[in-house]
């Protein structure tokens, strides 16, 4: 019997009713058998990265975030478009995960990027660049954008256009893991 693979969903919006948070919840619903999607906790409590407060005395919320990423088999970055780029919240997660230098919790970690917005091309490009510089790996097929107009006024959890692409992305993220299990 194979073990369940854990995908940590890192939502780049702190707003409770965010469409991107709804997309992360849709990923939980769409997860294929053998894959569990867990939402990262405590992101709002992580201070902006500052090397002066990092190290052995790093804030507990930052240390916990690093542990959540390290414990996951893959990471799903749910990237809302903020003025055409990655959100400060998401960038801060990547900054904390990438340090200390040489000890990135994202190192070699399969990472996917999804988001809901009007236009996500620059957001996704910026997210992928930050993730890969931090050591994460974004496999082919691990980026899916959902235009707000395609949701037809529904939540991503209620839209028929969302589940299949999310399931395929999650399968891509854990493909190597599932094949070796």
C-alpha atoms as a PDB file:
ATOM      1  CA  UNK A   1       0.000   0.000   0.000  1.00  0.00           C
ATOM      2  CA  UNK A   2       1.439   3.395  -0.977  1.00  0.00           C
ATOM      3  CA  UNK A   3       1.580   6.266   1.446  1.00  0.00           C
ATOM      4  CA  UNK A   4      -0.382   9.447   0.869  1.00  0.00           C
ATOM      5  CA  UNK A   5       1.628  12.270  -0.707  1.00  0.00           C
ATOM      6  CA  UNK A   6       1.208  15.686   0.886  1.00  0.00           C
ATOM      7  CA  UNK A   7       0.983  18.839  -1.212  1.00  0.00           C
ATOM      8  CA  UNK A   8       1.214  22.060   0.791  1.00  0.00           C
ATOM      9  CA  UNK A   9      -0.949  24.828  -0.691  1.00  0.00           C
ATOM     10  CA  UNK A  10       0.547  28.269  -0.035  1.00  0.00           C
ATOM     11  CA  UNK A  11      -2.124  30.891  -0.666  1.00  0.00           C
ATOM     12  CA  UNK A  12      -0.728  34.302  -1.550  1.00  0.00           C
ATOM     13  CA  UNK A  13      -3.790  36.156  -0.294  1.00  0.00           C
ATOM     14  CA  UNK A  14      -4.656  36.632   3.363  1.00  0.00           C
ATOM     15  CA  UNK A  15      -8.276  37.558   2.630  1.00  0.00           C
ATOM     16  CA  UNK A  16     -10.657  34.906   3.969  1.00  0.00           C
ATOM     17  CA  UNK A  17     -13.031  35.192   0.975  1.00  0.00           C
ATOM     18  CA  UNK A  18     -10.291  35.344  -1.674  1.00  0.00           C
ATOM     19  CA  UNK A  19     -10.979  33.521  -4.947  1.00  0.00           C
ATOM     20  CA  UNK A  20      -7.451  32.157  -4.687  1.00  0.00           C
ATOM     21  CA  UNK A  21      -8.151  30.720  -1.245  1.00  0.00           C
ATOM     22  CA  UNK A  22     -11.267  29.150  -2.785  1.00  0.00           C
ATOM     23  CA  UNK A  23      -8.999  27.742  -5.513  1.00  0.00           C
ATOM     24  CA  UNK A  24      -6.795  26.122  -2.860  1.00  0.00           C
ATOM     25  CA  UNK A  25      -9.895  24.557  -1.324  1.00  0.00           C
ATOM     26  CA  UNK A  26     -10.916  23.368  -4.812  1.00  0.00           C
ATOM     27  CA  UNK A  27      -7.487  21.705  -5.080  1.00  0.00           C
ATOM     28  CA  UNK A  28      -8.263  19.820  -1.871  1.00  0.00           C
ATOM     29  CA  UNK A  29     -11.512  18.576  -3.422  1.00  0.00           C
ATOM     30  CA  UNK A  30      -9.867  17.699  -6.763  1.00  0.00           C
ATOM     31  CA  UNK A  31      -6.896  15.822  -5.293  1.00  0.00           C
ATOM     32  CA  UNK A  32      -6.448  12.400  -6.872  1.00  0.00           C
ATOM     33  CA  UNK A  33      -6.345   9.264  -4.753  1.00  0.00           C
ATOM     34  CA  UNK A  34      -3.122   9.096  -2.772  1.00  0.00           C
ATOM     35  CA  UNK A  35      -2.691  12.884  -2.668  1.00  0.00           C
ATOM     36  CA  UNK A  36      -3.668  15.157   0.215  1.00  0.00           C
ATOM     37  CA  UNK A  37      -3.679  18.936  -0.231  1.00  0.00           C
ATOM     38  CA  UNK A  38      -3.108  20.817   3.020  1.00  0.00           C
ATOM     39  CA  UNK A  39      -3.330  24.599   3.345  1.00  0.00           C
ATOM     40  CA  UNK A  40      -0.261  26.237   4.881  1.00  0.00           C
ATOM     41  CA  UNK A  41      -1.060  27.681   8.280  1.00  0.00           C
ATOM     42  CA  UNK A  42       0.175  30.802  10.032  1.00  0.00           C
ATOM     43  CA  UNK A  43       1.343  32.717   6.967  1.00  0.00           C
ATOM     44  CA  UNK A  44      -0.199  35.956   8.276  1.00  0.00           C
ATOM     45  CA  UNK A  45       1.964  35.662  11.401  1.00  0.00           C
ATOM     46  CA  UNK A  46       5.270  35.448   9.502  1.00  0.00           C
ATOM     47  CA  UNK A  47       7.086  38.826   9.597  1.00  0.00           C
ATOM     48  CA  UNK A  48       8.723  40.232   6.484  1.00  0.00           C
ATOM     49  CA  UNK A  49      12.042  38.524   5.960  1.00  0.00           C
ATOM     50  CA  UNK A  50      14.885  40.220   7.818  1.00  0.00           C
ATOM     51  CA  UNK A  51      18.211  38.445   8.190  1.00  0.00           C
ATOM     52  CA  UNK A  52      18.720  40.242  11.509  1.00  0.00           C
ATOM     53  CA  UNK A  53      15.946  38.144  13.093  1.00  0.00           C
ATOM     54  CA  UNK A  54      16.755  34.895  11.275  1.00  0.00           C
ATOM     55  CA  UNK A  55      18.951  32.066  12.504  1.00  0.00           C
ATOM     56  CA  UNK A  56      18.566  30.113  15.717  1.00  0.00           C
ATOM     57  CA  UNK A  57      16.201  32.751  17.086  1.00  0.00           C
ATOM     58  CA  UNK A  58      14.000  32.951  13.988  1.00  0.00           C
ATOM     59  CA  UNK A  59      10.377  33.829  14.733  1.00  0.00           C
ATOM     60  CA  UNK A  60       8.319  30.751  15.571  1.00  0.00           C
ATOM     61  CA  UNK A  61       5.881  31.405  12.704  1.00  0.00           C
ATOM     62  CA  UNK A  62       8.748  31.485  10.194  1.00  0.00           C
ATOM     63  CA  UNK A  63      10.321  28.317  11.597  1.00  0.00           C
ATOM     64  CA  UNK A  64       6.927  26.584  11.449  1.00  0.00           C
ATOM     65  CA  UNK A  65       6.442  27.681   7.845  1.00  0.00           C
ATOM     66  CA  UNK A  66       9.833  26.233   6.911  1.00  0.00           C
ATOM     67  CA  UNK A  67       8.880  22.971   8.645  1.00  0.00           C
ATOM     68  CA  UNK A  68       5.544  22.798   6.795  1.00  0.00           C
ATOM     69  CA  UNK A  69       7.342  23.200   3.460  1.00  0.00           C
ATOM     70  CA  UNK A  70      10.081  20.714   4.353  1.00  0.00           C
ATOM     71  CA  UNK A  71       7.500  18.124   5.475  1.00  0.00           C
ATOM     72  CA  UNK A  72       5.513  18.354   2.223  1.00  0.00           C
ATOM     73  CA  UNK A  73       6.193  16.187  -0.811  1.00  0.00           C
ATOM     74  CA  UNK A  74       5.352  19.134  -3.086  1.00  0.00           C
ATOM     75  CA  UNK A  75       4.203  22.746  -2.818  1.00  0.00           C
ATOM     76  CA  UNK A  76       1.308  24.380  -4.659  1.00  0.00           C
ATOM     77  CA  UNK A  77       1.704  28.151  -4.807  1.00  0.00           C
ATOM     78  CA  UNK A  78      -1.726  29.739  -5.247  1.00  0.00           C
ATOM     79  CA  UNK A  79      -0.674  33.056  -6.727  1.00  0.00           C
ATOM     80  CA  UNK A  80      -3.121  35.935  -6.908  1.00  0.00           C
ATOM     81  CA  UNK A  81      -2.156  38.731  -9.298  1.00  0.00           C
ATOM     82  CA  UNK A  82      -1.176  41.772  -7.256  1.00  0.00           C
ATOM     83  CA  UNK A  83      -0.605  44.693  -9.604  1.00  0.00           C
ATOM     84  CA  UNK A  84       0.645  42.245 -12.208  1.00  0.00           C
ATOM     85  CA  UNK A  85       3.183  40.450 -10.032  1.00  0.00           C
ATOM     86  CA  UNK A  86       3.543  38.003  -7.162  1.00  0.00           C
ATOM     87  CA  UNK A  87       1.941  39.112  -3.896  1.00  0.00           C
ATOM     88  CA  UNK A  88       4.117  40.345  -1.032  1.00  0.00           C
ATOM     89  CA  UNK A  89       2.666  37.547   1.093  1.00  0.00           C
ATOM     90  CA  UNK A  90       3.808  34.854  -1.337  1.00  0.00           C
ATOM     91  CA  UNK A  91       7.211  36.459  -1.921  1.00  0.00           C
ATOM     92  CA  UNK A  92       7.753  36.585   1.844  1.00  0.00           C
ATOM     93  CA  UNK A  93       6.986  32.855   2.128  1.00  0.00           C
ATOM     94  CA  UNK A  94       9.554  32.129  -0.578  1.00  0.00           C
ATOM     95  CA  UNK A  95      12.123  34.419   1.077  1.00  0.00           C
ATOM     96  CA  UNK A  96      11.818  32.663   4.448  1.00  0.00           C
ATOM     97  CA  UNK A  97      11.796  29.216   2.805  1.00  0.00           C
ATOM     98  CA  UNK A  98      14.978  29.979   0.837  1.00  0.00           C
ATOM     99  CA  UNK A  99      17.105  30.772   3.877  1.00  0.00           C
ATOM    100  CA  UNK A 100      19.485  30.329   5.508  1.00  0.00           C
ATOM    101  CA  UNK A 101      21.620  30.199   2.393  1.00  0.00           C
ATOM    102  CA  UNK A 102      22.233  26.608   1.339  1.00  0.00           C
ATOM    103  CA  UNK A 103      19.387  25.244   3.497  1.00  0.00           C
ATOM    104  CA  UNK A 104      16.289  26.153   1.468  1.00  0.00           C
ATOM    105  CA  UNK A 105      13.260  24.090   2.459  1.00  0.00           C
ATOM    106  CA  UNK A 106      12.229  24.436  -1.202  1.00  0.00           C
ATOM    107  CA  UNK A 107      15.439  22.862  -2.500  1.00  0.00           C
ATOM    108  CA  UNK A 108      14.496  20.241  -5.097  1.00  0.00           C
ATOM    109  CA  UNK A 109      10.835  20.446  -4.064  1.00  0.00           C
ATOM    110  CA  UNK A 110       8.316  20.005  -6.916  1.00  0.00           C
ATOM    111  CA  UNK A 111       6.322  23.237  -7.006  1.00  0.00           C
ATOM    112  CA  UNK A 112       3.180  24.139  -8.913  1.00  0.00           C
ATOM    113  CA  UNK A 113       1.631  27.519  -9.570  1.00  0.00           C
ATOM    114  CA  UNK A 114      -2.091  28.199  -9.910  1.00  0.00           C
ATOM    115  CA  UNK A 115      -4.180  31.315  -9.633  1.00  0.00           C
ATOM    116  CA  UNK A 116      -7.425  33.076 -10.393  1.00  0.00           C
ATOM    117  CA  UNK A 117      -7.336  36.522 -11.947  1.00  0.00           C
ATOM    118  CA  UNK A 118      -7.931  38.636 -15.018  1.00  0.00           C
ATOM    119  CA  UNK A 119      -4.410  38.090 -16.388  1.00  0.00           C
ATOM    120  CA  UNK A 120      -1.708  36.031 -14.705  1.00  0.00           C
ATOM    121  CA  UNK A 121       1.201  35.774 -17.160  1.00  0.00           C
ATOM    122  CA  UNK A 122       3.549  38.174 -15.350  1.00  0.00           C
ATOM    123  CA  UNK A 123       2.401  36.939 -11.943  1.00  0.00           C
ATOM    124  CA  UNK A 124       3.262  33.360 -12.906  1.00  0.00           C
ATOM    125  CA  UNK A 125       6.596  34.364 -14.468  1.00  0.00           C
ATOM    126  CA  UNK A 126       7.616  36.246 -11.326  1.00  0.00           C
ATOM    127  CA  UNK A 127       6.445  33.411  -9.072  1.00  0.00           C
ATOM    128  CA  UNK A 128       8.316  30.783 -11.076  1.00  0.00           C
ATOM    129  CA  UNK A 129      11.497  32.858 -11.093  1.00  0.00           C
ATOM    130  CA  UNK A 130      11.368  33.338  -7.302  1.00  0.00           C
ATOM    131  CA  UNK A 131      10.542  29.685  -6.637  1.00  0.00           C
ATOM    132  CA  UNK A 132      13.352  28.353  -8.835  1.00  0.00           C
ATOM    133  CA  UNK A 133      15.926  30.805  -7.461  1.00  0.00           C
ATOM    134  CA  UNK A 134      14.930  29.518  -4.002  1.00  0.00           C
ATOM    135  CA  UNK A 135      15.638  25.953  -5.176  1.00  0.00           C
ATOM    136  CA  UNK A 136      12.144  24.750  -6.053  1.00  0.00           C
ATOM    137  CA  UNK A 137      11.435  22.887  -9.271  1.00  0.00           C
ATOM    138  CA  UNK A 138       8.442  23.819 -11.443  1.00  0.00           C
ATOM    139  CA  UNK A 139       7.796  20.822 -13.734  1.00  0.00           C
ATOM    140  CA  UNK A 140       6.233  21.181 -17.184  1.00  0.00           C
ATOM    141  CA  UNK A 141       2.467  21.156 -16.785  1.00  0.00           C
ATOM    142  CA  UNK A 142       2.580  22.479 -13.221  1.00  0.00           C
ATOM    143  CA  UNK A 143       1.155  25.933 -13.971  1.00  0.00           C
ATOM    144  CA  UNK A 144      -2.556  26.525 -14.478  1.00  0.00           C
ATOM    145  CA  UNK A 145      -4.362  29.847 -14.574  1.00  0.00           C
ATOM    146  CA  UNK A 146      -8.080  30.343 -14.267  1.00  0.00           C
ATOM    147  CA  UNK A 147      -9.526  33.546 -15.644  1.00  0.00           C
ATOM    148  CA  UNK A 148     -12.218  35.073 -13.471  1.00  0.00           C
ATOM    149  CA  UNK A 149     -14.477  35.265 -16.532  1.00  0.00           C
ATOM    150  CA  UNK A 150     -14.251  31.463 -16.985  1.00  0.00           C
ATOM    151  CA  UNK A 151     -15.769  30.908 -13.547  1.00  0.00           C
ATOM    152  CA  UNK A 152     -19.083  32.422 -14.685  1.00  0.00           C
ATOM    153  CA  UNK A 153     -19.619  34.112 -11.323  1.00  0.00           C
ATOM    154  CA  UNK A 154     -19.075  30.913  -9.345  1.00  0.00           C
ATOM    155  CA  UNK A 155     -16.551  30.012  -6.690  1.00  0.00           C
ATOM    156  CA  UNK A 156     -13.644  27.925  -8.002  1.00  0.00           C
ATOM    157  CA  UNK A 157     -15.023  25.124  -5.819  1.00  0.00           C
ATOM    158  CA  UNK A 158     -18.310  25.234  -7.781  1.00  0.00           C
ATOM    159  CA  UNK A 159     -16.918  25.692 -11.284  1.00  0.00           C
ATOM    160  CA  UNK A 160     -16.850  22.664 -13.564  1.00  0.00           C
ATOM    161  CA  UNK A 161     -13.868  24.160 -15.418  1.00  0.00           C
ATOM    162  CA  UNK A 162     -11.558  23.909 -12.388  1.00  0.00           C
ATOM    163  CA  UNK A 163     -11.432  20.340 -11.035  1.00  0.00           C
ATOM    164  CA  UNK A 164      -9.878  18.475 -13.991  1.00  0.00           C
ATOM    165  CA  UNK A 165      -6.976  20.928 -14.575  1.00  0.00           C
ATOM    166  CA  UNK A 166      -6.241  21.006 -10.832  1.00  0.00           C
ATOM    167  CA  UNK A 167      -6.237  17.210 -10.635  1.00  0.00           C
ATOM    168  CA  UNK A 168      -3.855  17.015 -13.611  1.00  0.00           C
ATOM    169  CA  UNK A 169      -1.521  19.591 -12.048  1.00  0.00           C
ATOM    170  CA  UNK A 170      -1.464  17.696  -8.735  1.00  0.00           C
ATOM    171  CA  UNK A 171      -0.732  14.450 -10.583  1.00  0.00           C
ATOM    172  CA  UNK A 172       2.167  16.187 -12.339  1.00  0.00           C
ATOM    173  CA  UNK A 173       3.560  17.453  -9.021  1.00  0.00           C
ATOM    174  CA  UNK A 174       3.645  14.043  -7.387  1.00  0.00           C
ATOM    175  CA  UNK A 175       4.187  11.896 -10.517  1.00  0.00           C
ATOM    176  CA  UNK A 176       7.690  10.795  -9.555  1.00  0.00           C
ATOM    177  CA  UNK A 177       6.624  10.209  -5.983  1.00  0.00           C
ATOM    178  CA  UNK A 178       3.612   8.095  -6.983  1.00  0.00           C
ATOM    179  CA  UNK A 179       5.591   6.059  -9.536  1.00  0.00           C
ATOM    180  CA  UNK A 180       8.222   5.157  -6.956  1.00  0.00           C
ATOM    181  CA  UNK A 181       5.720   4.289  -4.224  1.00  0.00           C
END
